[in-house]
Amino acid sequence: MESVRSAAPASQDLDRRKFLARAVLYVGSTGLALTSLPFIASWLPAERARALGGPVRVSLGKLDPGQMIVVSWRRKPIFILRRTPQMLRLLTDHDAELKDPRSQDSAQPSYADNTRRSRRADLFVAIGICTHLGCLPKARFQPGDARLAAHWPGGFYCPCHGSRFDLAGRVFKGSPASVNLVIPPYALDGAGTLIVGEDTPAHQAA
């Protein structure tokens, strides 16, 4: 009986030591994993780096006059519109109805500092975000819609609060937005490709 009683505590001590050893090993490995997380995270691209993406190349071969496509650059919608000759003519007859007809208080690259607000006459490129509170304007290209303006030339209408922009992204008077749509940096490579986010490609289009 005496030998049985002395064996039991010894067995319990052995089990206890095994348990403690496993616990120490687990805590140690967990601590190592937690302390290495910042190191591992440093290998991954930061959220800001992912958001600030590189240039986006867009083929213009299938973009017919009067059509618009929307692409994403730096998580922003980019309007790309190929304007018709009629659309371009309509840009010249409503300056008195605009808040900033010469875009003096609005954001655009130097090569878009003109009435068309574009590098190339027929091609309009803009960030498709209303400059009032960040809603997404909708295209309203059909001219003559008296619900939008007395002499609506076609353009963009924000359904959130009623801001109106013409086919060069210039804001109409009476709109909550105070400035024109923002023009992003972009270029043309001479081979029918638009590059959003780049200013100086190898070949500039006329």
N, C-alpha and C. Protein backbone atom coordinates (compact mmCIF):
# COMPACT_ATOMS: atom_id res chain seq x y z
N MET A 1 0.83 -1.21 0.00
CA MET A 1 0.00 0.00 0.00
C MET A 1 0.85 1.24 0.00
N GLU A 2 1.95 1.14 0.73
CA GLU A 2 2.81 2.32 0.85
C GLU A 2 3.44 2.66 -0.48
N SER A 3 3.82 1.56 -1.23
CA SER A 3 4.45 1.80 -2.53
C SER A 3 3.46 2.38 -3.52
N VAL A 4 2.21 1.98 -3.48
CA VAL A 4 1.16 2.52 -4.36
C VAL A 4 0.96 3.99 -4.10
N ARG A 5 0.92 4.40 -2.82
CA ARG A 5 0.69 5.81 -2.47
C ARG A 5 1.85 6.70 -2.93
N SER A 6 3.08 6.18 -2.87
CA SER A 6 4.21 7.01 -3.27
C SER A 6 4.33 7.12 -4.78
N ALA A 7 3.81 6.14 -5.53
CA ALA A 7 3.88 6.18 -6.99
C ALA A 7 2.91 7.19 -7.57
N ALA A 8 1.77 7.38 -6.94
CA ALA A 8 0.74 8.28 -7.48
C ALA A 8 1.21 9.73 -7.54
N PRO A 9 1.79 10.27 -6.43
CA PRO A 9 2.27 11.66 -6.52
C PRO A 9 3.37 11.81 -7.56
N ALA A 10 4.23 10.80 -7.70
CA ALA A 10 5.29 10.89 -8.70
C ALA A 10 4.71 11.00 -10.10
N SER A 11 3.69 10.18 -10.36
CA SER A 11 3.03 10.23 -11.67
C SER A 11 2.36 11.57 -11.91
N GLN A 12 1.72 12.11 -10.85
CA GLN A 12 1.07 13.42 -10.98
C GLN A 12 2.08 14.52 -11.23
N ASP A 13 3.25 14.43 -10.54
CA ASP A 13 4.30 15.42 -10.76
C ASP A 13 4.79 15.39 -12.20
N LEU A 14 4.92 14.17 -12.75
CA LEU A 14 5.38 14.04 -14.13
C LEU A 14 4.38 14.66 -15.10
N ASP A 15 3.09 14.40 -14.87
CA ASP A 15 2.05 14.98 -15.73
C ASP A 15 2.04 16.49 -15.62
N ARG A 16 2.24 16.98 -14.38
CA ARG A 16 2.24 18.44 -14.18
C ARG A 16 3.40 19.08 -14.92
N ARG A 17 4.57 18.43 -14.87
CA ARG A 17 5.74 18.99 -15.55
C ARG A 17 5.54 19.00 -17.07
N LYS A 18 4.92 17.93 -17.59
CA LYS A 18 4.63 17.89 -19.03
C LYS A 18 3.68 19.00 -19.43
N PHE A 19 2.65 19.23 -18.63
CA PHE A 19 1.67 20.28 -18.90
C PHE A 19 2.34 21.66 -18.91
N LEU A 20 3.18 21.90 -17.88
CA LEU A 20 3.87 23.19 -17.80
C LEU A 20 4.82 23.38 -18.98
N ALA A 21 5.49 22.31 -19.38
CA ALA A 21 6.41 22.42 -20.52
C ALA A 21 5.66 22.79 -21.80
N ARG A 22 4.50 22.11 -22.00
CA ARG A 22 3.68 22.44 -23.19
C ARG A 22 3.19 23.88 -23.14
N ALA A 23 2.77 24.32 -21.94
CA ALA A 23 2.25 25.68 -21.79
C ALA A 23 3.33 26.71 -22.11
N VAL A 24 4.54 26.48 -21.59
CA VAL A 24 5.65 27.40 -21.85
C VAL A 24 5.97 27.44 -23.34
N LEU A 25 5.98 26.25 -23.98
CA LEU A 25 6.26 26.18 -25.41
C LEU A 25 5.21 26.92 -26.21
N TYR A 26 3.92 26.76 -25.86
CA TYR A 26 2.81 27.43 -26.56
C TYR A 26 2.90 28.94 -26.41
N VAL A 27 3.10 29.39 -25.16
CA VAL A 27 3.19 30.84 -24.92
C VAL A 27 4.37 31.43 -25.65
N GLY A 28 5.49 30.70 -25.65
CA GLY A 28 6.69 31.20 -26.32
C GLY A 28 6.48 31.32 -27.81
N SER A 29 5.88 30.28 -28.42
CA SER A 29 5.66 30.32 -29.87
C SER A 29 4.64 31.38 -30.25
N THR A 30 3.59 31.55 -29.40
CA THR A 30 2.60 32.60 -29.66
C THR A 30 3.23 33.97 -29.58
N GLY A 31 4.07 34.17 -28.56
CA GLY A 31 4.74 35.46 -28.43
C GLY A 31 5.63 35.75 -29.61
N LEU A 32 6.33 34.71 -30.11
CA LEU A 32 7.17 34.90 -31.28
C LEU A 32 6.36 35.29 -32.49
N ALA A 33 5.20 34.63 -32.66
CA ALA A 33 4.35 34.96 -33.80
C ALA A 33 3.85 36.39 -33.72
N LEU A 34 3.43 36.81 -32.50
CA LEU A 34 2.89 38.16 -32.34
C LEU A 34 3.97 39.21 -32.56
N THR A 35 5.17 38.95 -32.04
CA THR A 35 6.23 39.94 -32.22
C THR A 35 6.72 39.99 -33.65
N SER A 36 6.52 38.93 -34.43
CA SER A 36 6.97 38.94 -35.81
C SER A 36 5.93 39.52 -36.76
N LEU A 37 4.69 39.75 -36.26
CA LEU A 37 3.66 40.30 -37.13
C LEU A 37 4.05 41.63 -37.77
N PRO A 38 4.58 42.61 -37.01
CA PRO A 38 4.99 43.85 -37.66
C PRO A 38 6.03 43.63 -38.73
N PHE A 39 6.94 42.68 -38.49
CA PHE A 39 7.98 42.39 -39.47
C PHE A 39 7.38 41.80 -40.74
N ILE A 40 6.46 40.85 -40.58
CA ILE A 40 5.79 40.26 -41.73
C ILE A 40 4.95 41.30 -42.45
N ALA A 41 4.24 42.14 -41.68
CA ALA A 41 3.41 43.17 -42.29
C ALA A 41 4.23 44.14 -43.12
N SER A 42 5.50 44.32 -42.76
CA SER A 42 6.34 45.24 -43.51
C SER A 42 6.62 44.73 -44.91
N TRP A 43 6.43 43.40 -45.14
CA TRP A 43 6.61 42.88 -46.49
C TRP A 43 5.42 43.20 -47.38
N LEU A 44 4.27 43.46 -46.80
CA LEU A 44 3.04 43.65 -47.55
C LEU A 44 2.88 45.11 -47.95
N PRO A 45 2.31 45.40 -49.12
CA PRO A 45 2.10 46.79 -49.53
C PRO A 45 1.11 47.47 -48.61
N ALA A 46 1.40 48.70 -48.22
CA ALA A 46 0.51 49.46 -47.35
C ALA A 46 -0.77 49.80 -48.09
N GLU A 47 -1.83 50.03 -47.32
CA GLU A 47 -3.12 50.41 -47.91
C GLU A 47 -2.99 51.68 -48.74
N ARG A 48 -2.23 52.62 -48.24
CA ARG A 48 -2.04 53.88 -48.98
C ARG A 48 -1.29 53.64 -50.29
N ALA A 49 -0.32 52.74 -50.25
CA ALA A 49 0.43 52.43 -51.47
C ALA A 49 -0.46 51.77 -52.50
N ARG A 50 -1.37 50.89 -52.04
CA ARG A 50 -2.30 50.26 -52.98
C ARG A 50 -3.26 51.28 -53.57
N ALA A 51 -3.69 52.23 -52.74
CA ALA A 51 -4.63 53.25 -53.22
C ALA A 51 -3.97 54.17 -54.24
N LEU A 52 -2.69 54.49 -54.02
CA LEU A 52 -1.98 55.37 -54.93
C LEU A 52 -1.36 54.53 -56.04
N GLY A 53 -2.23 53.93 -56.85
CA GLY A 53 -1.78 53.04 -57.90
C GLY A 53 -1.10 53.77 -59.04
N GLY A 54 -0.50 52.99 -59.91
CA GLY A 54 0.20 53.55 -61.05
C GLY A 54 -0.77 53.96 -62.16
N PRO A 55 -0.22 54.41 -63.28
CA PRO A 55 -1.05 54.85 -64.40
C PRO A 55 -1.93 53.72 -64.94
N VAL A 56 -3.05 54.11 -65.53
CA VAL A 56 -3.99 53.17 -66.13
C VAL A 56 -4.04 53.44 -67.63
N ARG A 57 -3.81 52.41 -68.42
CA ARG A 57 -3.82 52.54 -69.88
C ARG A 57 -5.18 52.11 -70.42
N VAL A 58 -5.73 52.95 -71.30
CA VAL A 58 -7.07 52.71 -71.86
C VAL A 58 -7.00 52.82 -73.37
N SER A 59 -7.42 51.76 -74.05
CA SER A 59 -7.47 51.79 -75.52
C SER A 59 -8.69 52.59 -75.98
N LEU A 60 -8.47 53.49 -76.92
CA LEU A 60 -9.55 54.36 -77.41
C LEU A 60 -10.09 53.88 -78.75
N GLY A 61 -9.62 52.74 -79.23
CA GLY A 61 -9.98 52.28 -80.55
C GLY A 61 -11.47 52.08 -80.77
N LYS A 62 -12.19 51.64 -79.72
CA LYS A 62 -13.61 51.35 -79.87
C LYS A 62 -14.51 52.43 -79.25
N LEU A 63 -13.91 53.56 -78.89
CA LEU A 63 -14.69 54.65 -78.32
C LEU A 63 -15.14 55.58 -79.44
N ASP A 64 -16.39 55.44 -79.84
CA ASP A 64 -16.92 56.22 -80.95
C ASP A 64 -17.32 57.63 -80.51
N PRO A 65 -17.39 58.58 -81.43
CA PRO A 65 -17.85 59.94 -81.09
C PRO A 65 -19.23 59.90 -80.42
N GLY A 66 -19.37 60.63 -79.32
CA GLY A 66 -20.61 60.66 -78.58
C GLY A 66 -20.69 59.61 -77.49
N GLN A 67 -19.71 58.73 -77.40
CA GLN A 67 -19.72 57.69 -76.39
C GLN A 67 -18.79 58.04 -75.23
N MET A 68 -19.10 57.47 -74.06
CA MET A 68 -18.28 57.67 -72.88
C MET A 68 -18.06 56.34 -72.18
N ILE A 69 -16.88 56.15 -71.65
CA ILE A 69 -16.58 55.00 -70.80
C ILE A 69 -16.10 55.50 -69.45
N VAL A 70 -16.16 54.63 -68.45
CA VAL A 70 -15.70 54.97 -67.11
C VAL A 70 -14.69 53.93 -66.68
N VAL A 71 -13.51 54.38 -66.28
CA VAL A 71 -12.48 53.48 -65.76
C VAL A 71 -12.13 53.91 -64.34
N SER A 72 -11.40 53.08 -63.64
CA SER A 72 -11.03 53.38 -62.26
C SER A 72 -9.54 53.68 -62.18
N TRP A 73 -9.20 54.76 -61.51
CA TRP A 73 -7.80 55.14 -61.26
C TRP A 73 -7.71 55.67 -59.84
N ARG A 74 -6.84 55.05 -59.03
CA ARG A 74 -6.70 55.40 -57.62
C ARG A 74 -8.05 55.39 -56.90
N ARG A 75 -8.85 54.39 -57.24
CA ARG A 75 -10.17 54.19 -56.64
C ARG A 75 -11.14 55.32 -56.94
N LYS A 76 -10.91 56.01 -58.04
CA LYS A 76 -11.81 57.08 -58.46
C LYS A 76 -12.34 56.78 -59.86
N PRO A 77 -13.62 57.08 -60.12
CA PRO A 77 -14.14 56.89 -61.47
C PRO A 77 -13.61 57.98 -62.39
N ILE A 78 -13.16 57.58 -63.56
CA ILE A 78 -12.65 58.53 -64.54
C ILE A 78 -13.56 58.50 -65.77
N PHE A 79 -14.17 59.65 -66.08
CA PHE A 79 -15.00 59.78 -67.27
C PHE A 79 -14.08 60.01 -68.47
N ILE A 80 -14.30 59.23 -69.53
CA ILE A 80 -13.58 59.43 -70.79
C ILE A 80 -14.63 59.55 -71.89
N LEU A 81 -14.80 60.74 -72.40
CA LEU A 81 -15.85 61.04 -73.38
C LEU A 81 -15.22 61.49 -74.69
N ARG A 82 -15.66 60.89 -75.78
CA ARG A 82 -15.24 61.38 -77.10
C ARG A 82 -16.34 62.30 -77.62
N ARG A 83 -16.03 63.58 -77.61
CA ARG A 83 -17.03 64.58 -77.99
C ARG A 83 -17.16 64.69 -79.50
N THR A 84 -18.39 64.92 -79.93
CA THR A 84 -18.67 65.12 -81.35
C THR A 84 -18.42 66.58 -81.71
N PRO A 85 -18.33 66.91 -83.00
CA PRO A 85 -18.21 68.32 -83.40
C PRO A 85 -19.34 69.18 -82.86
N GLN A 86 -20.55 68.64 -82.81
CA GLN A 86 -21.67 69.40 -82.26
C GLN A 86 -21.46 69.68 -80.77
N MET A 87 -21.00 68.69 -80.04
CA MET A 87 -20.72 68.89 -78.62
C MET A 87 -19.69 70.00 -78.40
N LEU A 88 -18.68 70.03 -79.24
CA LEU A 88 -17.65 71.06 -79.12
C LEU A 88 -18.20 72.44 -79.43
N ARG A 89 -19.08 72.52 -80.42
CA ARG A 89 -19.69 73.82 -80.75
C ARG A 89 -20.52 74.34 -79.58
N LEU A 90 -21.19 73.43 -78.87
CA LEU A 90 -22.06 73.85 -77.77
C LEU A 90 -21.29 74.34 -76.54
N LEU A 91 -19.97 74.17 -76.54
CA LEU A 91 -19.18 74.63 -75.40
C LEU A 91 -18.93 76.14 -75.42
N THR A 92 -19.25 76.78 -76.52
CA THR A 92 -18.84 78.18 -76.69
C THR A 92 -19.96 79.19 -76.50
N ASP A 93 -21.16 78.75 -76.15
CA ASP A 93 -22.29 79.70 -76.17
C ASP A 93 -23.01 79.86 -74.84
N HIS A 94 -22.39 79.45 -73.72
CA HIS A 94 -23.10 79.58 -72.44
C HIS A 94 -22.19 80.01 -71.30
N ASP A 95 -21.11 80.71 -71.60
CA ASP A 95 -20.19 81.16 -70.55
C ASP A 95 -20.88 81.96 -69.46
N ALA A 96 -21.88 82.76 -69.84
CA ALA A 96 -22.57 83.61 -68.87
C ALA A 96 -23.35 82.79 -67.85
N GLU A 97 -23.62 81.54 -68.16
CA GLU A 97 -24.39 80.69 -67.26
C GLU A 97 -23.51 79.85 -66.33
N LEU A 98 -22.18 80.01 -66.44
CA LEU A 98 -21.25 79.18 -65.69
C LEU A 98 -20.62 79.95 -64.53
N LYS A 99 -20.29 79.24 -63.47
CA LYS A 99 -19.63 79.86 -62.31
C LYS A 99 -18.17 80.18 -62.60
N ASP A 100 -17.50 79.30 -63.30
CA ASP A 100 -16.07 79.46 -63.55
C ASP A 100 -15.78 79.07 -64.99
N PRO A 101 -16.23 79.87 -65.96
CA PRO A 101 -16.13 79.48 -67.37
C PRO A 101 -14.70 79.27 -67.85
N ARG A 102 -13.73 80.00 -67.29
CA ARG A 102 -12.34 79.86 -67.71
C ARG A 102 -11.54 78.94 -66.78
N SER A 103 -12.23 78.32 -65.86
CA SER A 103 -11.61 77.36 -64.92
C SER A 103 -10.45 77.97 -64.15
N GLN A 104 -10.59 79.22 -63.77
CA GLN A 104 -9.52 79.89 -63.02
C GLN A 104 -9.45 79.41 -61.58
N ASP A 105 -10.57 78.97 -61.04
CA ASP A 105 -10.62 78.51 -59.65
C ASP A 105 -10.78 76.99 -59.56
N SER A 106 -10.55 76.30 -60.65
CA SER A 106 -10.76 74.86 -60.70
C SER A 106 -9.45 74.15 -61.00
N ALA A 107 -9.46 72.83 -60.78
CA ALA A 107 -8.22 72.04 -60.87
C ALA A 107 -8.13 71.30 -62.19
N GLN A 108 -7.07 71.60 -62.93
CA GLN A 108 -6.76 70.89 -64.16
C GLN A 108 -5.28 71.10 -64.48
N PRO A 109 -4.66 70.15 -65.20
CA PRO A 109 -3.27 70.35 -65.63
C PRO A 109 -3.18 71.54 -66.59
N SER A 110 -1.99 72.04 -66.79
CA SER A 110 -1.80 73.22 -67.65
C SER A 110 -2.25 72.98 -69.08
N TYR A 111 -2.08 71.75 -69.59
CA TYR A 111 -2.49 71.47 -70.97
C TYR A 111 -4.01 71.40 -71.11
N ALA A 112 -4.74 71.37 -70.00
CA ALA A 112 -6.21 71.38 -70.05
C ALA A 112 -6.77 72.75 -69.63
N ASP A 113 -5.90 73.73 -69.57
CA ASP A 113 -6.32 75.08 -69.18
C ASP A 113 -6.81 75.82 -70.42
N ASN A 114 -7.96 75.40 -70.92
CA ASN A 114 -8.57 76.00 -72.11
C ASN A 114 -10.08 75.79 -72.03
N THR A 115 -10.81 76.33 -72.97
CA THR A 115 -12.26 76.22 -72.94
C THR A 115 -12.73 74.78 -72.96
N ARG A 116 -12.03 73.93 -73.71
CA ARG A 116 -12.40 72.52 -73.83
C ARG A 116 -11.99 71.73 -72.59
N ARG A 117 -11.03 72.28 -71.81
CA ARG A 117 -10.46 71.60 -70.64
C ARG A 117 -9.93 70.21 -71.03
N SER A 118 -9.15 70.18 -72.08
CA SER A 118 -8.64 68.89 -72.56
C SER A 118 -7.34 69.07 -73.33
N ARG A 119 -6.60 68.00 -73.42
CA ARG A 119 -5.37 67.97 -74.21
C ARG A 119 -5.70 67.89 -75.70
N ARG A 120 -6.70 67.10 -76.02
CA ARG A 120 -7.14 66.96 -77.41
C ARG A 120 -8.60 67.38 -77.49
N ALA A 121 -8.97 68.10 -78.55
CA ALA A 121 -10.28 68.74 -78.61
C ALA A 121 -11.43 67.77 -78.37
N ASP A 122 -11.40 66.63 -79.03
CA ASP A 122 -12.57 65.75 -78.96
C ASP A 122 -12.60 64.88 -77.71
N LEU A 123 -11.49 64.82 -76.97
CA LEU A 123 -11.40 63.87 -75.87
C LEU A 123 -11.47 64.60 -74.52
N PHE A 124 -12.52 64.29 -73.75
CA PHE A 124 -12.69 64.89 -72.44
C PHE A 124 -12.44 63.83 -71.38
N VAL A 125 -11.54 64.14 -70.45
CA VAL A 125 -11.18 63.22 -69.37
C VAL A 125 -11.35 63.96 -68.06
N ALA A 126 -12.11 63.41 -67.13
CA ALA A 126 -12.35 64.08 -65.85
C ALA A 126 -12.58 63.04 -64.76
N ILE A 127 -12.32 63.44 -63.52
CA ILE A 127 -12.66 62.61 -62.38
C ILE A 127 -14.18 62.72 -62.17
N GLY A 128 -14.86 61.59 -62.22
CA GLY A 128 -16.32 61.58 -62.18
C GLY A 128 -16.89 61.66 -60.78
N ILE A 129 -16.46 62.67 -60.03
CA ILE A 129 -16.95 62.89 -58.67
C ILE A 129 -17.40 64.34 -58.55
N CYS A 130 -18.63 64.55 -58.13
CA CYS A 130 -19.15 65.90 -57.97
C CYS A 130 -18.32 66.67 -56.96
N THR A 131 -18.00 67.91 -57.29
CA THR A 131 -17.16 68.73 -56.41
C THR A 131 -17.96 69.36 -55.27
N HIS A 132 -19.21 68.96 -55.11
CA HIS A 132 -19.99 69.44 -53.97
C HIS A 132 -19.75 68.54 -52.76
N LEU A 133 -20.32 67.32 -52.79
CA LEU A 133 -20.16 66.41 -51.66
C LEU A 133 -19.73 65.01 -52.09
N GLY A 134 -19.20 64.89 -53.29
CA GLY A 134 -18.59 63.63 -53.69
C GLY A 134 -19.52 62.59 -54.29
N CYS A 135 -20.71 62.96 -54.71
CA CYS A 135 -21.59 62.01 -55.39
C CYS A 135 -21.09 61.77 -56.81
N LEU A 136 -21.71 60.84 -57.51
CA LEU A 136 -21.32 60.50 -58.87
C LEU A 136 -22.29 61.10 -59.87
N PRO A 137 -21.88 62.09 -60.65
CA PRO A 137 -22.77 62.68 -61.66
C PRO A 137 -23.13 61.67 -62.74
N LYS A 138 -24.25 61.92 -63.38
CA LYS A 138 -24.70 61.08 -64.49
C LYS A 138 -24.63 61.88 -65.78
N ALA A 139 -24.34 61.17 -66.87
CA ALA A 139 -24.26 61.81 -68.18
C ALA A 139 -25.65 62.18 -68.66
N ARG A 140 -25.78 63.43 -69.12
CA ARG A 140 -27.02 63.92 -69.72
C ARG A 140 -26.63 64.67 -70.99
N PHE A 141 -26.32 63.90 -72.05
CA PHE A 141 -25.72 64.48 -73.24
C PHE A 141 -26.73 65.15 -74.17
N GLN A 142 -27.99 64.75 -74.08
CA GLN A 142 -28.98 65.28 -75.01
C GLN A 142 -29.20 66.76 -74.77
N PRO A 143 -28.89 67.65 -75.74
CA PRO A 143 -29.10 69.09 -75.53
C PRO A 143 -30.58 69.46 -75.54
N GLY A 144 -30.87 70.63 -74.99
CA GLY A 144 -32.23 71.15 -75.03
C GLY A 144 -33.13 70.69 -73.92
N ASP A 145 -32.61 70.07 -72.87
CA ASP A 145 -33.44 69.62 -71.75
C ASP A 145 -33.66 70.79 -70.80
N ALA A 146 -34.83 71.43 -70.88
CA ALA A 146 -35.11 72.62 -70.09
C ALA A 146 -35.18 72.33 -68.59
N ARG A 147 -35.32 71.07 -68.20
CA ARG A 147 -35.36 70.73 -66.78
C ARG A 147 -34.00 70.93 -66.12
N LEU A 148 -32.95 70.88 -66.91
CA LEU A 148 -31.60 71.01 -66.38
C LEU A 148 -31.05 72.43 -66.50
N ALA A 149 -31.37 73.12 -67.53
CA ALA A 149 -30.93 74.51 -67.71
C ALA A 149 -31.78 75.14 -68.79
N ALA A 150 -31.81 76.47 -68.80
CA ALA A 150 -32.61 77.18 -69.79
C ALA A 150 -32.19 76.80 -71.21
N HIS A 151 -30.89 76.68 -71.42
CA HIS A 151 -30.38 76.26 -72.73
C HIS A 151 -29.37 75.13 -72.48
N TRP A 152 -29.87 73.98 -72.09
CA TRP A 152 -29.00 72.88 -71.71
C TRP A 152 -28.19 72.38 -72.91
N PRO A 153 -26.86 72.46 -72.84
CA PRO A 153 -26.03 72.04 -73.97
C PRO A 153 -25.59 70.59 -73.90
N GLY A 154 -26.05 69.89 -72.87
CA GLY A 154 -25.55 68.55 -72.62
C GLY A 154 -24.42 68.59 -71.62
N GLY A 155 -24.28 67.53 -70.85
CA GLY A 155 -23.22 67.51 -69.85
C GLY A 155 -23.47 66.46 -68.79
N PHE A 156 -23.31 66.86 -67.52
CA PHE A 156 -23.41 65.93 -66.40
C PHE A 156 -24.29 66.52 -65.31
N TYR A 157 -25.09 65.65 -64.72
CA TYR A 157 -26.03 66.07 -63.69
C TYR A 157 -25.83 65.20 -62.45
N CYS A 158 -25.68 65.85 -61.29
CA CYS A 158 -25.52 65.11 -60.04
C CYS A 158 -26.90 64.89 -59.41
N PRO A 159 -27.34 63.65 -59.26
CA PRO A 159 -28.68 63.40 -58.74
C PRO A 159 -28.80 63.65 -57.24
N CYS A 160 -27.69 63.79 -56.53
CA CYS A 160 -27.76 63.96 -55.07
C CYS A 160 -28.30 65.33 -54.68
N HIS A 161 -27.73 66.39 -55.26
CA HIS A 161 -28.12 67.74 -54.86
C HIS A 161 -28.32 68.68 -56.05
N GLY A 162 -28.29 68.12 -57.27
CA GLY A 162 -28.68 68.91 -58.44
C GLY A 162 -27.59 69.73 -59.10
N SER A 163 -26.33 69.49 -58.80
CA SER A 163 -25.26 70.22 -59.50
C SER A 163 -25.23 69.81 -60.97
N ARG A 164 -24.96 70.81 -61.82
CA ARG A 164 -24.94 70.57 -63.27
C ARG A 164 -23.61 71.04 -63.85
N PHE A 165 -23.08 70.23 -64.78
CA PHE A 165 -21.80 70.54 -65.42
C PHE A 165 -21.96 70.37 -66.93
N ASP A 166 -21.24 71.19 -67.69
CA ASP A 166 -21.34 71.06 -69.14
C ASP A 166 -20.38 69.99 -69.65
N LEU A 167 -20.22 69.91 -70.96
CA LEU A 167 -19.42 68.85 -71.57
C LEU A 167 -17.92 69.06 -71.43
N ALA A 168 -17.53 70.12 -70.73
CA ALA A 168 -16.14 70.32 -70.33
C ALA A 168 -16.02 70.24 -68.81
N GLY A 169 -17.08 69.78 -68.15
CA GLY A 169 -17.05 69.64 -66.70
C GLY A 169 -17.14 70.95 -65.95
N ARG A 170 -17.61 72.02 -66.61
CA ARG A 170 -17.72 73.33 -65.96
C ARG A 170 -19.09 73.46 -65.30
N VAL A 171 -19.11 73.96 -64.09
CA VAL A 171 -20.33 73.95 -63.28
C VAL A 171 -21.21 75.15 -63.62
N PHE A 172 -22.51 74.89 -63.67
CA PHE A 172 -23.49 75.94 -63.95
C PHE A 172 -23.81 76.72 -62.69
N LYS A 173 -24.17 77.98 -62.87
CA LYS A 173 -24.65 78.79 -61.77
C LYS A 173 -25.93 78.16 -61.21
N GLY A 174 -26.16 78.33 -59.92
CA GLY A 174 -27.31 77.72 -59.27
C GLY A 174 -27.05 76.32 -58.76
N SER A 175 -25.87 75.79 -59.05
CA SER A 175 -25.50 74.45 -58.57
C SER A 175 -24.85 74.56 -57.19
N PRO A 176 -25.07 73.58 -56.33
CA PRO A 176 -24.37 73.58 -55.03
C PRO A 176 -22.85 73.49 -55.17
N ALA A 177 -22.37 72.77 -56.18
CA ALA A 177 -20.93 72.67 -56.41
C ALA A 177 -20.37 74.04 -56.75
N SER A 178 -19.22 74.35 -56.20
CA SER A 178 -18.64 75.68 -56.41
C SER A 178 -17.57 75.72 -57.49
N VAL A 179 -16.98 74.56 -57.79
CA VAL A 179 -15.92 74.51 -58.80
C VAL A 179 -16.21 73.42 -59.83
N ASN A 180 -15.45 73.46 -60.91
CA ASN A 180 -15.65 72.51 -62.00
C ASN A 180 -15.13 71.12 -61.62
N LEU A 181 -15.52 70.13 -62.41
CA LEU A 181 -14.99 68.78 -62.21
C LEU A 181 -13.46 68.81 -62.34
N VAL A 182 -12.80 67.97 -61.57
CA VAL A 182 -11.34 67.92 -61.57
C VAL A 182 -10.85 67.14 -62.78
N ILE A 183 -9.83 67.68 -63.45
CA ILE A 183 -9.19 66.97 -64.56
C ILE A 183 -7.93 66.29 -64.04
N PRO A 184 -7.81 64.97 -64.19
CA PRO A 184 -6.61 64.28 -63.69
C PRO A 184 -5.45 64.43 -64.67
N PRO A 185 -4.24 64.11 -64.25
CA PRO A 185 -3.14 64.06 -65.22
C PRO A 185 -3.36 62.90 -66.18
N TYR A 186 -3.13 63.15 -67.46
CA TYR A 186 -3.27 62.08 -68.44
C TYR A 186 -2.47 62.45 -69.69
N ALA A 187 -2.27 61.47 -70.54
CA ALA A 187 -1.53 61.68 -71.77
C ALA A 187 -2.00 60.68 -72.82
N LEU A 188 -1.55 60.90 -74.05
CA LEU A 188 -1.85 60.01 -75.17
C LEU A 188 -0.52 59.56 -75.76
N ASP A 189 -0.43 58.27 -76.07
CA ASP A 189 0.85 57.75 -76.52
C ASP A 189 1.03 57.77 -78.03
N GLY A 190 0.05 58.33 -78.75
CA GLY A 190 0.17 58.40 -80.20
C GLY A 190 -0.27 57.14 -80.90
N ALA A 191 -0.66 56.12 -80.15
CA ALA A 191 -1.09 54.85 -80.75
C ALA A 191 -2.51 54.50 -80.33
N GLY A 192 -3.30 55.51 -80.02
CA GLY A 192 -4.68 55.27 -79.65
C GLY A 192 -4.87 54.80 -78.23
N THR A 193 -3.92 55.10 -77.37
CA THR A 193 -4.01 54.70 -75.97
C THR A 193 -3.95 55.92 -75.08
N LEU A 194 -4.90 56.00 -74.16
CA LEU A 194 -4.93 57.05 -73.15
C LEU A 194 -4.27 56.51 -71.88
N ILE A 195 -3.42 57.33 -71.26
CA ILE A 195 -2.74 56.92 -70.04
C ILE A 195 -3.16 57.87 -68.93
N VAL A 196 -4.03 57.39 -68.05
CA VAL A 196 -4.50 58.19 -66.92
C VAL A 196 -3.47 58.09 -65.79
N GLY A 197 -3.05 59.23 -65.29
CA GLY A 197 -2.08 59.24 -64.21
C GLY A 197 -0.66 59.52 -64.66
N GLU A 198 -0.50 59.84 -65.94
CA GLU A 198 0.84 60.12 -66.48
C GLU A 198 0.76 61.37 -67.34
N ASP A 199 1.73 62.25 -67.19
CA ASP A 199 1.72 63.53 -67.92
C ASP A 199 2.57 63.53 -69.17
N THR A 200 3.68 62.84 -69.17
CA THR A 200 4.66 62.99 -70.24
C THR A 200 5.06 61.64 -70.83
N PRO A 201 4.24 61.08 -71.69
CA PRO A 201 4.64 59.85 -72.37
C PRO A 201 5.67 60.13 -73.46
N ALA A 202 6.14 59.08 -74.10
CA ALA A 202 7.17 59.25 -75.13
C ALA A 202 6.66 60.05 -76.31
N HIS A 203 5.38 59.86 -76.66
CA HIS A 203 4.83 60.56 -77.81
C HIS A 203 3.56 61.27 -77.40
N GLN A 204 3.51 62.56 -77.61
CA GLN A 204 2.32 63.34 -77.31
C GLN A 204 1.46 63.43 -78.56
N ALA A 205 0.16 63.30 -78.36
CA ALA A 205 -0.76 63.47 -79.48
C ALA A 205 -1.07 64.93 -79.68
N ALA A 206 -1.33 65.31 -80.92
CA ALA A 206 -1.63 66.71 -81.21
C ALA A 206 -3.05 67.04 -80.81
